[in-house]
Structure formats: structure tokens, C-alpha cells
Amino acid sequence: MNNLNISAFSRAMHWIIAILFLFVFCIPLFLKDMGVPFPYHKMLGSLVLILSLVRVINRFIEGWPKDISTRPYQLLIVISKIVHWILLLSTIIFPLSGLLMGYYGGRGLELVGFEIIAPEPMGSNGRPTPIDGQLAGTFHTVHSTMFWVFSVSFILHVVGAYYHHLIQKDATLIRMLRGYKGVENRR
């Protein structure tokens, strides 16, 4: 991307994935106790994975937008790029590890609520028979770790957006909300 604008498609994908991630996070943490079925976590997680793959392909096609910071600090630019890459990769690794954890744990494979591979038969303990318990455990560890990696990166991303908006008074946040066309830095 050679200009300062972010396409409407990229902005829409950003916000759709962000909102879906909020729901995916909330289901196991809060909503499960309120009666929201856990399969919605898997369904929305697989939707996030599919949309994120589209977003990554789009990012490679469009490229990264130019920095519009009014006072760019090299260290902050490097941190910003690292955080953006972590977030982008997290939106793939996080849900993929969850799907693989379930699959190798014998729970089958579903994408957006559609069964792709049926669950394994129930064992004597009332749970599906794992295909590979060790791999299921490995993907569980990856999935749990990605919760924290994504959470910290998300917080840094939000802090960075507000830093641009409130401290630097540039149009970085506005550009992500409604595009850059005709928007001037606010300083």
C-alpha cells in the first residue's frame, strides 16, 4: 500500500475480527456461566480463523499502510510493527490451536458449526477417545499461551491507538475508523 489510506475492506475485517474475538474470549470466561453454550466458542473461533486467513492474504496484497505519526519515534515504530505482526499471527494460531486441540482430543472437527470430522466414540470416562492425547495436550498449551500473548498484544495495540489519538493527536485512530481521505492530523 503506497498511500496513507486503509481500504474499507481492511477496516471492516479489522473490526469484524475484533468483535468476534471479544465474543470468543467472553464465552469461556463469562458467558458459559450465564448459559451460553460452549460450542459457540468453537464456532466463532473457527469463523475468526477463516476471516483471519482472508485478512492475512489481503494484508499481503495491499501491504501495510504508511505511518502517519506526527512525531515518529523509531523504537515505537518497531514495537508497533512487532505488535501488529503478533496480533495478525495470533488471530490464526489461537483458533487453529483450539481446533487442533479438540480434534486430537477426539472431539472431531467443526468449522463454523459444520461437522467436518465426527467425534471419536465415548470412552468409559464419558469423554471422547483421544486420537493423540499428547498432541491434544501440546495444542492445549499453545492455545492457553496464545490467550496471554494475544491479550498483552491487544492491550498494547489499544494503548498505542489512544497514544496516537490523545498524545500525538494524529489521525491514526480516525483512519482505522473511517478512512484517511480528507482527514488532517489534529495538531
N, C-alpha and C. Protein backbone atom coordinates (compact mmCIF):
# COMPACT_ATOMS: atom_id res chain seq x y z
N MET A 1 0.86 -1.17 0.00
CA MET A 1 0.00 0.00 0.00
C MET A 1 0.90 1.23 0.00
N ASN A 2 0.79 2.02 -1.04
CA ASN A 2 1.66 3.18 -1.17
C ASN A 2 1.04 4.46 -0.65
N ASN A 3 -0.23 4.42 -0.29
CA ASN A 3 -0.85 5.65 0.19
C ASN A 3 -1.09 5.58 1.69
N LEU A 4 -1.74 6.59 2.18
CA LEU A 4 -1.99 6.68 3.62
C LEU A 4 -3.29 6.02 4.03
N ASN A 5 -4.15 5.71 3.08
CA ASN A 5 -5.47 5.18 3.41
C ASN A 5 -5.42 3.68 3.68
N ILE A 6 -6.40 3.22 4.44
CA ILE A 6 -6.62 1.80 4.67
C ILE A 6 -7.95 1.49 3.99
N SER A 7 -7.98 0.46 3.16
CA SER A 7 -9.19 0.16 2.39
C SER A 7 -10.37 -0.13 3.32
N ALA A 8 -11.56 0.11 2.80
CA ALA A 8 -12.78 -0.18 3.56
C ALA A 8 -12.84 -1.66 3.91
N PHE A 9 -12.38 -2.52 3.00
CA PHE A 9 -12.37 -3.96 3.27
C PHE A 9 -11.46 -4.28 4.45
N SER A 10 -10.26 -3.71 4.46
CA SER A 10 -9.31 -3.96 5.56
C SER A 10 -9.87 -3.45 6.89
N ARG A 11 -10.47 -2.27 6.86
CA ARG A 11 -11.06 -1.73 8.10
C ARG A 11 -12.20 -2.61 8.59
N ALA A 12 -13.04 -3.05 7.66
CA ALA A 12 -14.17 -3.91 8.04
C ALA A 12 -13.67 -5.23 8.64
N MET A 13 -12.68 -5.84 8.00
CA MET A 13 -12.13 -7.10 8.51
C MET A 13 -11.53 -6.90 9.90
N HIS A 14 -10.82 -5.80 10.10
CA HIS A 14 -10.23 -5.49 11.40
C HIS A 14 -11.29 -5.48 12.49
N TRP A 15 -12.37 -4.73 12.25
CA TRP A 15 -13.39 -4.56 13.29
C TRP A 15 -14.26 -5.80 13.46
N ILE A 16 -14.55 -6.50 12.37
CA ILE A 16 -15.34 -7.74 12.48
C ILE A 16 -14.57 -8.78 13.30
N ILE A 17 -13.29 -8.96 12.98
CA ILE A 17 -12.47 -9.92 13.72
C ILE A 17 -12.32 -9.49 15.17
N ALA A 18 -12.15 -8.20 15.42
CA ALA A 18 -12.02 -7.71 16.80
C ALA A 18 -13.28 -8.01 17.60
N ILE A 19 -14.44 -7.76 17.02
CA ILE A 19 -15.71 -8.00 17.73
C ILE A 19 -15.92 -9.50 17.95
N LEU A 20 -15.64 -10.31 16.92
CA LEU A 20 -15.77 -11.75 17.08
C LEU A 20 -14.83 -12.28 18.16
N PHE A 21 -13.59 -11.76 18.19
CA PHE A 21 -12.64 -12.18 19.22
C PHE A 21 -13.16 -11.84 20.61
N LEU A 22 -13.81 -10.70 20.75
CA LEU A 22 -14.40 -10.33 22.04
C LEU A 22 -15.39 -11.39 22.49
N PHE A 23 -16.27 -11.83 21.59
CA PHE A 23 -17.23 -12.87 21.93
C PHE A 23 -16.54 -14.20 22.22
N VAL A 24 -15.55 -14.56 21.40
CA VAL A 24 -14.83 -15.82 21.61
C VAL A 24 -14.15 -15.82 22.98
N PHE A 25 -13.60 -14.67 23.39
CA PHE A 25 -12.98 -14.55 24.71
C PHE A 25 -14.01 -14.65 25.81
N CYS A 26 -15.15 -14.01 25.63
CA CYS A 26 -16.15 -13.91 26.70
C CYS A 26 -16.88 -15.21 26.96
N ILE A 27 -17.07 -16.04 25.95
CA ILE A 27 -17.85 -17.27 26.15
C ILE A 27 -17.23 -18.15 27.22
N PRO A 28 -15.94 -18.53 27.12
CA PRO A 28 -15.41 -19.40 28.19
C PRO A 28 -15.18 -18.66 29.51
N LEU A 29 -14.94 -17.37 29.45
CA LEU A 29 -14.63 -16.64 30.68
C LEU A 29 -15.87 -16.23 31.47
N PHE A 30 -16.91 -15.79 30.78
CA PHE A 30 -18.06 -15.23 31.48
C PHE A 30 -19.39 -15.82 31.04
N LEU A 31 -19.59 -15.93 29.75
CA LEU A 31 -20.92 -16.27 29.23
C LEU A 31 -21.30 -17.73 29.46
N LYS A 32 -20.32 -18.62 29.60
CA LYS A 32 -20.62 -20.03 29.83
C LYS A 32 -21.44 -20.19 31.11
N ASP A 33 -21.10 -19.41 32.14
CA ASP A 33 -21.84 -19.46 33.41
C ASP A 33 -23.24 -18.89 33.27
N MET A 34 -23.47 -18.10 32.22
CA MET A 34 -24.78 -17.49 32.01
C MET A 34 -25.63 -18.33 31.04
N GLY A 35 -25.14 -19.51 30.68
CA GLY A 35 -25.93 -20.41 29.85
C GLY A 35 -25.64 -20.35 28.37
N VAL A 36 -24.65 -19.58 27.95
CA VAL A 36 -24.29 -19.56 26.52
C VAL A 36 -23.52 -20.84 26.23
N PRO A 37 -24.02 -21.66 25.30
CA PRO A 37 -23.37 -22.95 25.04
C PRO A 37 -21.93 -22.80 24.54
N PHE A 38 -21.05 -23.67 25.05
CA PHE A 38 -19.64 -23.64 24.69
C PHE A 38 -19.39 -23.87 23.20
N PRO A 39 -20.24 -24.65 22.49
CA PRO A 39 -19.99 -24.82 21.05
C PRO A 39 -19.92 -23.50 20.28
N TYR A 40 -20.56 -22.45 20.80
CA TYR A 40 -20.45 -21.15 20.14
C TYR A 40 -19.00 -20.65 20.16
N HIS A 41 -18.26 -21.00 21.20
CA HIS A 41 -16.84 -20.63 21.29
C HIS A 41 -16.09 -21.24 20.10
N LYS A 42 -16.32 -22.53 19.86
CA LYS A 42 -15.65 -23.21 18.74
C LYS A 42 -16.13 -22.67 17.40
N MET A 43 -17.43 -22.44 17.29
CA MET A 43 -17.99 -21.96 16.02
C MET A 43 -17.43 -20.59 15.67
N LEU A 44 -17.46 -19.67 16.63
CA LEU A 44 -16.95 -18.32 16.37
C LEU A 44 -15.43 -18.33 16.21
N GLY A 45 -14.74 -19.19 16.96
CA GLY A 45 -13.29 -19.31 16.82
C GLY A 45 -12.90 -19.75 15.42
N SER A 46 -13.64 -20.72 14.87
CA SER A 46 -13.32 -21.17 13.51
C SER A 46 -13.67 -20.10 12.48
N LEU A 47 -14.71 -19.30 12.75
CA LEU A 47 -15.03 -18.18 11.87
C LEU A 47 -13.91 -17.14 11.90
N VAL A 48 -13.38 -16.87 13.10
CA VAL A 48 -12.24 -15.95 13.23
C VAL A 48 -11.06 -16.47 12.41
N LEU A 49 -10.80 -17.77 12.48
CA LEU A 49 -9.69 -18.35 11.73
C LEU A 49 -9.86 -18.13 10.23
N ILE A 50 -11.04 -18.41 9.71
CA ILE A 50 -11.29 -18.25 8.27
C ILE A 50 -11.15 -16.79 7.86
N LEU A 51 -11.78 -15.89 8.61
CA LEU A 51 -11.69 -14.46 8.29
C LEU A 51 -10.26 -13.95 8.42
N SER A 52 -9.53 -14.47 9.40
CA SER A 52 -8.14 -14.03 9.59
C SER A 52 -7.25 -14.47 8.44
N LEU A 53 -7.49 -15.66 7.92
CA LEU A 53 -6.72 -16.11 6.75
C LEU A 53 -6.99 -15.18 5.56
N VAL A 54 -8.24 -14.79 5.38
CA VAL A 54 -8.58 -13.83 4.32
C VAL A 54 -7.87 -12.51 4.58
N ARG A 55 -7.87 -12.09 5.84
CA ARG A 55 -7.24 -10.81 6.20
C ARG A 55 -5.73 -10.84 5.95
N VAL A 56 -5.08 -11.96 6.28
CA VAL A 56 -3.64 -12.07 6.05
C VAL A 56 -3.34 -12.01 4.55
N ILE A 57 -4.12 -12.72 3.76
CA ILE A 57 -3.93 -12.68 2.30
C ILE A 57 -4.11 -11.24 1.81
N ASN A 58 -5.15 -10.58 2.30
CA ASN A 58 -5.40 -9.19 1.91
C ASN A 58 -4.26 -8.28 2.34
N ARG A 59 -3.69 -8.52 3.52
CA ARG A 59 -2.58 -7.70 4.01
C ARG A 59 -1.39 -7.83 3.07
N PHE A 60 -1.12 -9.05 2.59
CA PHE A 60 -0.01 -9.23 1.66
C PHE A 60 -0.30 -8.58 0.31
N ILE A 61 -1.55 -8.56 -0.11
CA ILE A 61 -1.92 -7.92 -1.37
C ILE A 61 -1.82 -6.40 -1.24
N GLU A 62 -2.42 -5.84 -0.19
CA GLU A 62 -2.45 -4.39 -0.01
C GLU A 62 -1.17 -3.84 0.61
N GLY A 63 -0.48 -4.66 1.39
CA GLY A 63 0.69 -4.19 2.12
C GLY A 63 0.27 -3.46 3.39
N TRP A 64 1.24 -2.96 4.10
CA TRP A 64 0.97 -2.23 5.34
C TRP A 64 0.80 -0.75 5.01
N PRO A 65 -0.13 -0.08 5.66
CA PRO A 65 -0.30 1.36 5.40
C PRO A 65 0.89 2.15 5.94
N LYS A 66 1.11 3.31 5.35
CA LYS A 66 2.19 4.18 5.82
C LYS A 66 1.88 4.73 7.20
N ASP A 67 2.93 4.94 7.96
CA ASP A 67 2.80 5.56 9.27
C ASP A 67 2.44 7.03 9.08
N ILE A 68 1.46 7.51 9.83
CA ILE A 68 1.08 8.92 9.72
C ILE A 68 1.35 9.67 11.01
N SER A 69 2.20 9.09 11.82
CA SER A 69 2.54 9.72 13.10
C SER A 69 3.14 11.10 12.88
N THR A 70 2.77 12.03 13.74
CA THR A 70 3.30 13.39 13.62
C THR A 70 4.73 13.48 14.14
N ARG A 71 5.06 12.63 15.10
CA ARG A 71 6.42 12.61 15.66
C ARG A 71 6.85 11.16 15.81
N PRO A 72 7.29 10.54 14.74
CA PRO A 72 7.63 9.12 14.83
C PRO A 72 8.90 8.88 15.65
N TYR A 73 8.79 8.03 16.63
CA TYR A 73 9.94 7.58 17.41
C TYR A 73 10.27 6.18 16.91
N GLN A 74 11.52 5.98 16.53
CA GLN A 74 11.92 4.72 15.90
C GLN A 74 11.57 3.51 16.77
N LEU A 75 11.81 3.59 18.08
CA LEU A 75 11.51 2.46 18.96
C LEU A 75 10.02 2.14 18.94
N LEU A 76 9.17 3.17 18.97
CA LEU A 76 7.73 2.94 18.96
C LEU A 76 7.27 2.36 17.62
N ILE A 77 7.92 2.75 16.54
CA ILE A 77 7.58 2.19 15.23
C ILE A 77 7.91 0.70 15.20
N VAL A 78 9.07 0.33 15.75
CA VAL A 78 9.47 -1.08 15.80
C VAL A 78 8.49 -1.87 16.68
N ILE A 79 8.16 -1.34 17.86
CA ILE A 79 7.21 -2.01 18.75
C ILE A 79 5.86 -2.16 18.06
N SER A 80 5.42 -1.12 17.37
CA SER A 80 4.14 -1.16 16.67
C SER A 80 4.12 -2.27 15.62
N LYS A 81 5.19 -2.38 14.85
CA LYS A 81 5.25 -3.42 13.82
C LYS A 81 5.24 -4.82 14.44
N ILE A 82 5.98 -4.99 15.53
CA ILE A 82 6.00 -6.29 16.21
C ILE A 82 4.61 -6.63 16.74
N VAL A 83 3.96 -5.67 17.39
CA VAL A 83 2.62 -5.91 17.95
C VAL A 83 1.63 -6.24 16.84
N HIS A 84 1.69 -5.52 15.72
CA HIS A 84 0.78 -5.80 14.61
C HIS A 84 1.00 -7.22 14.07
N TRP A 85 2.24 -7.63 13.91
CA TRP A 85 2.52 -8.98 13.43
C TRP A 85 2.05 -10.03 14.43
N ILE A 86 2.29 -9.80 15.72
CA ILE A 86 1.83 -10.75 16.74
C ILE A 86 0.31 -10.88 16.70
N LEU A 87 -0.38 -9.74 16.60
CA LEU A 87 -1.84 -9.79 16.53
C LEU A 87 -2.31 -10.54 15.30
N LEU A 88 -1.72 -10.25 14.17
CA LEU A 88 -2.12 -10.90 12.92
C LEU A 88 -1.89 -12.41 13.01
N LEU A 89 -0.72 -12.81 13.48
CA LEU A 89 -0.43 -14.25 13.60
C LEU A 89 -1.28 -14.90 14.69
N SER A 90 -1.56 -14.17 15.76
CA SER A 90 -2.38 -14.70 16.85
C SER A 90 -3.79 -15.03 16.39
N THR A 91 -4.33 -14.22 15.48
CA THR A 91 -5.69 -14.47 15.01
C THR A 91 -5.76 -15.74 14.17
N ILE A 92 -4.62 -16.29 13.81
CA ILE A 92 -4.58 -17.58 13.11
C ILE A 92 -4.18 -18.70 14.08
N ILE A 93 -3.08 -18.50 14.81
CA ILE A 93 -2.55 -19.55 15.69
C ILE A 93 -3.51 -19.87 16.83
N PHE A 94 -4.13 -18.84 17.42
CA PHE A 94 -5.02 -19.03 18.56
C PHE A 94 -6.20 -19.95 18.19
N PRO A 95 -7.00 -19.62 17.18
CA PRO A 95 -8.12 -20.51 16.87
C PRO A 95 -7.69 -21.84 16.26
N LEU A 96 -6.62 -21.84 15.46
CA LEU A 96 -6.15 -23.09 14.87
C LEU A 96 -5.72 -24.07 15.96
N SER A 97 -5.00 -23.59 16.96
CA SER A 97 -4.57 -24.47 18.05
C SER A 97 -5.78 -25.02 18.81
N GLY A 98 -6.83 -24.21 18.96
CA GLY A 98 -8.05 -24.69 19.61
C GLY A 98 -8.73 -25.79 18.82
N LEU A 99 -8.82 -25.60 17.50
CA LEU A 99 -9.43 -26.63 16.65
C LEU A 99 -8.62 -27.93 16.69
N LEU A 100 -7.29 -27.80 16.63
CA LEU A 100 -6.43 -28.99 16.65
C LEU A 100 -6.44 -29.67 18.01
N MET A 101 -6.55 -28.89 19.09
CA MET A 101 -6.67 -29.45 20.43
C MET A 101 -7.93 -30.33 20.50
N GLY A 102 -9.04 -29.80 20.00
CA GLY A 102 -10.29 -30.57 20.01
C GLY A 102 -10.22 -31.80 19.13
N TYR A 103 -9.64 -31.64 17.94
CA TYR A 103 -9.54 -32.77 17.02
C TYR A 103 -8.70 -33.90 17.62
N TYR A 104 -7.49 -33.59 18.06
CA TYR A 104 -6.63 -34.63 18.62
C TYR A 104 -7.13 -35.13 19.97
N GLY A 105 -7.97 -34.35 20.62
CA GLY A 105 -8.61 -34.80 21.86
C GLY A 105 -9.81 -35.68 21.61
N GLY A 106 -10.12 -35.95 20.33
CA GLY A 106 -11.20 -36.85 19.97
C GLY A 106 -12.55 -36.17 19.81
N ARG A 107 -12.58 -34.85 19.84
CA ARG A 107 -13.85 -34.13 19.76
C ARG A 107 -14.28 -33.81 18.32
N GLY A 108 -13.56 -34.33 17.36
CA GLY A 108 -13.91 -34.09 15.96
C GLY A 108 -13.44 -32.72 15.52
N LEU A 109 -13.91 -32.33 14.35
CA LEU A 109 -13.51 -31.04 13.79
C LEU A 109 -14.73 -30.38 13.19
N GLU A 110 -15.01 -29.18 13.66
CA GLU A 110 -16.12 -28.39 13.12
C GLU A 110 -15.58 -27.06 12.63
N LEU A 111 -16.13 -26.59 11.53
CA LEU A 111 -15.82 -25.25 11.03
C LEU A 111 -17.13 -24.49 10.93
N VAL A 112 -17.23 -23.41 11.64
CA VAL A 112 -18.39 -22.53 11.66
C VAL A 112 -19.67 -23.33 11.92
N GLY A 113 -19.57 -24.30 12.84
CA GLY A 113 -20.73 -25.08 13.23
C GLY A 113 -21.02 -26.30 12.38
N PHE A 114 -20.28 -26.49 11.28
CA PHE A 114 -20.49 -27.65 10.41
C PHE A 114 -19.46 -28.72 10.73
N GLU A 115 -19.96 -29.93 10.97
CA GLU A 115 -19.07 -31.03 11.31
C GLU A 115 -18.29 -31.47 10.08
N ILE A 116 -16.97 -31.41 10.18
CA ILE A 116 -16.08 -31.85 9.11
C ILE A 116 -15.62 -33.28 9.39
N ILE A 117 -15.22 -33.52 10.64
CA ILE A 117 -14.80 -34.85 11.08
C ILE A 117 -15.58 -35.15 12.36
N ALA A 118 -16.24 -36.30 12.39
CA ALA A 118 -17.06 -36.67 13.55
C ALA A 118 -16.19 -36.93 14.77
N PRO A 119 -16.75 -36.70 15.97
CA PRO A 119 -16.01 -37.01 17.19
C PRO A 119 -15.75 -38.51 17.31
N GLU A 120 -14.74 -38.85 18.06
CA GLU A 120 -14.42 -40.24 18.35
C GLU A 120 -15.47 -40.81 19.31
N PRO A 121 -15.58 -42.15 19.37
CA PRO A 121 -16.53 -42.75 20.31
C PRO A 121 -16.19 -42.38 21.76
N MET A 122 -17.22 -42.38 22.59
CA MET A 122 -17.02 -42.06 24.00
C MET A 122 -16.28 -43.19 24.70
N GLY A 123 -15.36 -42.81 25.57
CA GLY A 123 -14.64 -43.78 26.37
C GLY A 123 -15.42 -44.09 27.64
N SER A 124 -14.86 -44.93 28.48
CA SER A 124 -15.53 -45.31 29.73
C SER A 124 -15.64 -44.13 30.70
N ASN A 125 -14.83 -43.10 30.48
CA ASN A 125 -14.87 -41.92 31.35
C ASN A 125 -15.92 -40.90 30.89
N GLY A 126 -16.66 -41.23 29.82
CA GLY A 126 -17.69 -40.32 29.34
C GLY A 126 -17.17 -39.23 28.41
N ARG A 127 -15.91 -39.32 28.06
CA ARG A 127 -15.30 -38.34 27.14
C ARG A 127 -14.92 -39.04 25.84
N PRO A 128 -14.80 -38.27 24.76
CA PRO A 128 -14.35 -38.90 23.51
C PRO A 128 -12.95 -39.49 23.67
N THR A 129 -12.70 -40.57 22.96
CA THR A 129 -11.39 -41.21 22.99
C THR A 129 -10.42 -40.33 22.20
N PRO A 130 -9.33 -39.88 22.83
CA PRO A 130 -8.38 -39.02 22.11
C PRO A 130 -7.72 -39.75 20.94
N ILE A 131 -7.51 -39.01 19.87
CA ILE A 131 -6.75 -39.54 18.73
C ILE A 131 -5.28 -39.58 19.12
N ASP A 132 -4.81 -38.51 19.73
CA ASP A 132 -3.43 -38.41 20.22
C ASP A 132 -3.44 -37.45 21.41
N GLY A 133 -3.50 -38.02 22.59
CA GLY A 133 -3.59 -37.22 23.81
C GLY A 133 -2.41 -36.28 24.00
N GLN A 134 -1.22 -36.71 23.59
CA GLN A 134 -0.04 -35.86 23.74
C GLN A 134 -0.14 -34.63 22.83
N LEU A 135 -0.55 -34.85 21.58
CA LEU A 135 -0.72 -33.71 20.67
C LEU A 135 -1.85 -32.80 21.15
N ALA A 136 -2.92 -33.39 21.65
CA ALA A 136 -4.02 -32.58 22.19
C ALA A 136 -3.51 -31.71 23.33
N GLY A 137 -2.67 -32.29 24.19
CA GLY A 137 -2.08 -31.53 25.29
C GLY A 137 -1.16 -30.42 24.81
N THR A 138 -0.38 -30.72 23.77
CA THR A 138 0.51 -29.70 23.20
C THR A 138 -0.30 -28.54 22.64
N PHE A 139 -1.36 -28.85 21.89
CA PHE A 139 -2.19 -27.77 21.33
C PHE A 139 -2.96 -27.03 22.42
N HIS A 140 -3.29 -27.72 23.51
CA HIS A 140 -3.91 -27.04 24.66
C HIS A 140 -2.94 -26.01 25.24
N THR A 141 -1.68 -26.40 25.37
CA THR A 141 -0.66 -25.48 25.88
C THR A 141 -0.50 -24.29 24.95
N VAL A 142 -0.44 -24.55 23.65
CA VAL A 142 -0.32 -23.46 22.67
C VAL A 142 -1.54 -22.54 22.79
N HIS A 143 -2.73 -23.13 22.85
CA HIS A 143 -3.97 -22.35 22.92
C HIS A 143 -4.00 -21.48 24.19
N SER A 144 -3.61 -22.07 25.32
CA SER A 144 -3.58 -21.32 26.58
C SER A 144 -2.54 -20.21 26.55
N THR A 145 -1.38 -20.49 25.98
CA THR A 145 -0.33 -19.48 25.87
C THR A 145 -0.77 -18.34 24.96
N MET A 146 -1.44 -18.70 23.86
CA MET A 146 -1.90 -17.67 22.93
C MET A 146 -2.92 -16.73 23.57
N PHE A 147 -3.66 -17.21 24.56
CA PHE A 147 -4.58 -16.33 25.28
C PHE A 147 -3.80 -15.14 25.85
N TRP A 148 -2.68 -15.42 26.49
CA TRP A 148 -1.89 -14.36 27.12
C TRP A 148 -1.13 -13.53 26.08
N VAL A 149 -0.58 -14.19 25.08
CA VAL A 149 0.13 -13.47 24.02
C VAL A 149 -0.82 -12.49 23.34
N PHE A 150 -2.01 -12.98 22.98
CA PHE A 150 -2.98 -12.12 22.32
C PHE A 150 -3.45 -11.01 23.26
N SER A 151 -3.72 -11.35 24.51
CA SER A 151 -4.23 -10.35 25.46
C SER A 151 -3.25 -9.20 25.65
N VAL A 152 -1.99 -9.51 25.86
CA VAL A 152 -0.97 -8.46 26.05
C VAL A 152 -0.82 -7.64 24.77
N SER A 153 -0.78 -8.31 23.63
CA SER A 153 -0.64 -7.59 22.36
C SER A 153 -1.85 -6.69 22.10
N PHE A 154 -3.03 -7.19 22.42
CA PHE A 154 -4.25 -6.40 22.24
C PHE A 154 -4.23 -5.15 23.11
N ILE A 155 -3.81 -5.31 24.36
CA ILE A 155 -3.72 -4.15 25.26
C ILE A 155 -2.72 -3.13 24.72
N LEU A 156 -1.55 -3.60 24.27
CA LEU A 156 -0.56 -2.70 23.69
C LEU A 156 -1.11 -2.00 22.45
N HIS A 157 -1.88 -2.72 21.65
CA HIS A 157 -2.48 -2.16 20.44
C HIS A 157 -3.46 -1.03 20.79
N VAL A 158 -4.31 -1.27 21.76
CA VAL A 158 -5.29 -0.26 22.18
C VAL A 158 -4.58 0.95 22.80
N VAL A 159 -3.59 0.69 23.65
CA VAL A 159 -2.83 1.79 24.25
C VAL A 159 -2.15 2.60 23.15
N GLY A 160 -1.58 1.92 22.15
CA GLY A 160 -0.94 2.62 21.04
C GLY A 160 -1.92 3.48 20.25
N ALA A 161 -3.11 2.96 20.03
CA ALA A 161 -4.13 3.73 19.29
C ALA A 161 -4.50 4.99 20.06
N TYR A 162 -4.70 4.85 21.36
CA TYR A 162 -5.03 6.03 22.17
C TYR A 162 -3.84 6.98 22.31
N TYR A 163 -2.64 6.45 22.33
CA TYR A 163 -1.44 7.29 22.35
C TYR A 163 -1.41 8.18 21.11
N HIS A 164 -1.67 7.57 19.96
CA HIS A 164 -1.72 8.37 18.72
C HIS A 164 -2.82 9.43 18.79
N HIS A 165 -3.98 9.03 19.30
CA HIS A 165 -5.13 9.92 19.28
C HIS A 165 -5.03 11.04 20.32
N LEU A 166 -4.62 10.69 21.54
CA LEU A 166 -4.64 11.66 22.64
C LEU A 166 -3.33 12.40 22.85
N ILE A 167 -2.20 11.75 22.62
CA ILE A 167 -0.89 12.36 22.88
C ILE A 167 -0.34 12.98 21.60
N GLN A 168 -0.20 12.15 20.57
CA GLN A 168 0.36 12.67 19.32
C GLN A 168 -0.65 13.47 18.51
N LYS A 169 -1.91 13.25 18.77
CA LYS A 169 -3.00 13.97 18.09
C LYS A 169 -2.91 13.83 16.57
N ASP A 170 -2.57 12.62 16.12
CA ASP A 170 -2.56 12.37 14.68
C ASP A 170 -3.83 11.60 14.30
N ALA A 171 -3.96 11.26 13.05
CA ALA A 171 -5.20 10.66 12.53
C ALA A 171 -5.14 9.14 12.45
N THR A 172 -4.23 8.50 13.18
CA THR A 172 -4.10 7.05 13.10
C THR A 172 -5.39 6.33 13.48
N LEU A 173 -5.99 6.68 14.60
CA LEU A 173 -7.23 6.02 15.03
C LEU A 173 -8.39 6.38 14.10
N ILE A 174 -8.48 7.63 13.72
CA ILE A 174 -9.56 8.07 12.82
C ILE A 174 -9.47 7.33 11.49
N ARG A 175 -8.24 7.13 11.00
CA ARG A 175 -8.03 6.41 9.74
C ARG A 175 -8.58 4.99 9.85
N MET A 176 -8.44 4.36 11.00
CA MET A 176 -8.93 3.00 11.16
C MET A 176 -10.44 2.96 11.34
N LEU A 177 -11.02 4.05 11.78
CA LEU A 177 -12.47 4.11 11.97
C LEU A 177 -13.21 4.46 10.68
N ARG A 178 -12.70 5.45 9.95
CA ARG A 178 -13.46 5.90 8.77
C ARG A 178 -12.61 6.20 7.55
N GLY A 179 -11.37 5.83 7.57
CA GLY A 179 -10.51 6.09 6.42
C GLY A 179 -9.77 7.41 6.57
N TYR A 180 -8.82 7.63 5.69
CA TYR A 180 -7.94 8.79 5.82
C TYR A 180 -8.32 9.92 4.88
N LYS A 181 -9.15 9.65 3.91
CA LYS A 181 -9.45 10.64 2.89
C LYS A 181 -9.95 11.94 3.52
N GLY A 182 -9.21 12.99 3.32
CA GLY A 182 -9.61 14.30 3.81
C GLY A 182 -9.36 14.54 5.28
N VAL A 183 -8.80 13.57 5.98
CA VAL A 183 -8.55 13.73 7.41
C VAL A 183 -7.16 14.33 7.60
N GLU A 184 -7.09 15.39 8.33
CA GLU A 184 -5.80 16.01 8.63
C GLU A 184 -5.40 15.65 10.05
N ASN A 185 -4.10 15.65 10.31
CA ASN A 185 -3.67 15.47 11.68
C ASN A 185 -4.24 16.59 12.52
N ARG A 186 -4.52 16.31 13.77
CA ARG A 186 -5.29 17.22 14.60
C ARG A 186 -4.43 18.23 15.35
N ARG A 187 -3.15 18.26 15.11
CA ARG A 187 -2.26 19.15 15.85
C ARG A 187 -2.13 20.46 15.12
